[in-house]
Amino acid sequence: MDLPVILISADARKQVVMKGVTYGACDYLIKPVCIETLKNIWQHVVRKKARNTF
Protein backbone atom coordinates (compact mmCIF):
# COMPACT_ATOMS: atom_id res chain seq x y z
CA MET A 1 0.00 0.00 0.00
CA ASP A 2 1.35 3.40 -0.96
CA LEU A 3 0.10 5.94 1.57
CA PRO A 4 1.48 9.51 1.52
CA VAL A 5 2.71 10.60 4.96
CA ILE A 6 3.12 14.17 6.16
CA LEU A 7 4.85 14.45 9.52
CA ILE A 8 3.77 17.20 11.92
CA SER A 9 5.96 17.92 14.93
CA ALA A 10 7.16 20.70 17.19
CA ASP A 11 10.74 19.46 16.71
CA ALA A 12 12.37 21.72 14.11
CA ARG A 13 15.90 20.30 14.30
CA LYS A 14 17.31 19.73 10.83
CA GLN A 15 18.47 16.18 11.60
CA VAL A 16 14.98 15.20 12.78
CA VAL A 17 13.33 16.68 9.69
CA MET A 18 15.82 14.93 7.39
CA LYS A 19 15.34 11.62 9.20
CA GLY A 20 11.57 11.80 8.67
CA VAL A 21 11.95 12.54 4.97
CA THR A 22 14.64 9.86 4.61
CA TYR A 23 12.27 7.30 6.10
CA GLY A 24 9.62 8.14 3.51
CA ALA A 25 7.61 11.15 4.62
CA CYS A 26 6.39 13.36 1.77
CA ASP A 27 6.86 16.46 3.87
CA TYR A 28 7.51 17.65 7.41
CA LEU A 29 5.54 20.48 9.02
CA ILE A 30 6.60 22.26 12.17
CA LYS A 31 3.97 23.17 14.76
CA PRO A 32 2.07 25.38 14.97
CA VAL A 33 0.84 24.58 11.48
CA CYS A 34 -1.02 27.09 9.36
CA ILE A 35 -4.07 25.35 7.87
CA GLU A 36 -3.38 26.97 4.47
CA THR A 37 0.12 25.50 4.44
CA LEU A 38 -1.27 22.07 5.24
CA LYS A 39 -3.88 22.36 2.46
CA ASN A 40 -1.25 23.42 -0.09
CA ILE A 41 1.11 20.59 0.80
CA TRP A 42 -1.68 18.02 0.76
CA GLN A 43 -2.84 19.23 -2.68
CA HIS A 44 0.73 18.91 -3.94
CA VAL A 45 1.01 15.37 -2.56
CA VAL A 46 -2.30 14.32 -4.12
CA ARG A 47 -1.35 15.80 -7.53
CA LYS A 48 2.05 14.11 -7.44
CA LYS A 49 0.46 10.76 -6.56
CA ALA A 50 -2.09 11.13 -9.38
CA ARG A 51 0.70 11.80 -11.91
CA ASN A 52 2.64 8.75 -10.74
CA THR A 53 -0.41 6.47 -10.77
CA PHE A 54 -1.14 6.71 -14.49
C-alpha atoms as a PDB file:
ATOM      1  CA  MET A   1       0.000   0.000   0.000  1.00  0.00           C
ATOM      2  CA  ASP A   2       1.354   3.405  -0.961  1.00  0.00           C
ATOM      3  CA  LEU A   3       0.102   5.938   1.571  1.00  0.00           C
ATOM      4  CA  PRO A   4       1.476   9.507   1.520  1.00  0.00           C
ATOM      5  CA  VAL A   5       2.706  10.601   4.957  1.00  0.00           C
ATOM      6  CA  ILE A   6       3.120  14.175   6.157  1.00  0.00           C
ATOM      7  CA  LEU A   7       4.846  14.451   9.523  1.00  0.00           C
ATOM      8  CA  ILE A   8       3.771  17.204  11.918  1.00  0.00           C
ATOM      9  CA  SER A   9       5.964  17.921  14.928  1.00  0.00           C
ATOM     10  CA  ALA A  10       7.164  20.699  17.189  1.00  0.00           C
ATOM     11  CA  ASP A  11      10.743  19.456  16.713  1.00  0.00           C
ATOM     12  CA  ALA A  12      12.371  21.720  14.110  1.00  0.00           C
ATOM     13  CA  ARG A  13      15.904  20.304  14.304  1.00  0.00           C
ATOM     14  CA  LYS A  14      17.308  19.728  10.827  1.00  0.00           C
ATOM     15  CA  GLN A  15      18.469  16.180  11.601  1.00  0.00           C
ATOM     16  CA  VAL A  16      14.978  15.203  12.785  1.00  0.00           C
ATOM     17  CA  VAL A  17      13.329  16.676   9.691  1.00  0.00           C
ATOM     18  CA  MET A  18      15.818  14.930   7.390  1.00  0.00           C
ATOM     19  CA  LYS A  19      15.337  11.620   9.205  1.00  0.00           C
ATOM     20  CA  GLY A  20      11.571  11.801   8.675  1.00  0.00           C
ATOM     21  CA  VAL A  21      11.952  12.538   4.973  1.00  0.00           C
ATOM     22  CA  THR A  22      14.640   9.859   4.609  1.00  0.00           C
ATOM     23  CA  TYR A  23      12.267   7.299   6.104  1.00  0.00           C
ATOM     24  CA  GLY A  24       9.624   8.143   3.515  1.00  0.00           C
ATOM     25  CA  ALA A  25       7.606  11.155   4.622  1.00  0.00           C
ATOM     26  CA  CYS A  26       6.387  13.355   1.767  1.00  0.00           C
ATOM     27  CA  ASP A  27       6.862  16.456   3.872  1.00  0.00           C
ATOM     28  CA  TYR A  28       7.513  17.653   7.407  1.00  0.00           C
ATOM     29  CA  LEU A  29       5.544  20.478   9.021  1.00  0.00           C
ATOM     30  CA  ILE A  30       6.601  22.256  12.175  1.00  0.00           C
ATOM     31  CA  LYS A  31       3.968  23.167  14.763  1.00  0.00           C
ATOM     32  CA  PRO A  32       2.068  25.384  14.967  1.00  0.00           C
ATOM     33  CA  VAL A  33       0.844  24.580  11.476  1.00  0.00           C
ATOM     34  CA  CYS A  34      -1.024  27.088   9.363  1.00  0.00           C
ATOM     35  CA  ILE A  35      -4.068  25.348   7.869  1.00  0.00           C
ATOM     36  CA  GLU A  36      -3.384  26.967   4.473  1.00  0.00           C
ATOM     37  CA  THR A  37       0.123  25.502   4.440  1.00  0.00           C
ATOM     38  CA  LEU A  38      -1.272  22.069   5.235  1.00  0.00           C
ATOM     39  CA  LYS A  39      -3.875  22.365   2.461  1.00  0.00           C
ATOM     40  CA  ASN A  40      -1.246  23.424  -0.087  1.00  0.00           C
ATOM     41  CA  ILE A  41       1.108  20.593   0.799  1.00  0.00           C
ATOM     42  CA  TRP A  42      -1.677  18.023   0.756  1.00  0.00           C
ATOM     43  CA  GLN A  43      -2.843  19.231  -2.683  1.00  0.00           C
ATOM     44  CA  HIS A  44       0.729  18.914  -3.943  1.00  0.00           C
ATOM     45  CA  VAL A  45       1.015  15.365  -2.557  1.00  0.00           C
ATOM     46  CA  VAL A  46      -2.303  14.324  -4.125  1.00  0.00           C
ATOM     47  CA  ARG A  47      -1.350  15.803  -7.532  1.00  0.00           C
ATOM     48  CA  LYS A  48       2.048  14.106  -7.436  1.00  0.00           C
ATOM     49  CA  LYS A  49       0.457  10.759  -6.561  1.00  0.00           C
ATOM     50  CA  ALA A  50      -2.088  11.125  -9.383  1.00  0.00           C
ATOM     51  CA  ARG A  51       0.699  11.798 -11.906  1.00  0.00           C
ATOM     52  CA  ASN A  52       2.645   8.746 -10.740  1.00  0.00           C
ATOM     53  CA  THR A  53      -0.412   6.471 -10.771  1.00  0.00           C
ATOM     54  CA  PHE A  54      -1.136   6.712 -14.491  1.00  0.00           C
END
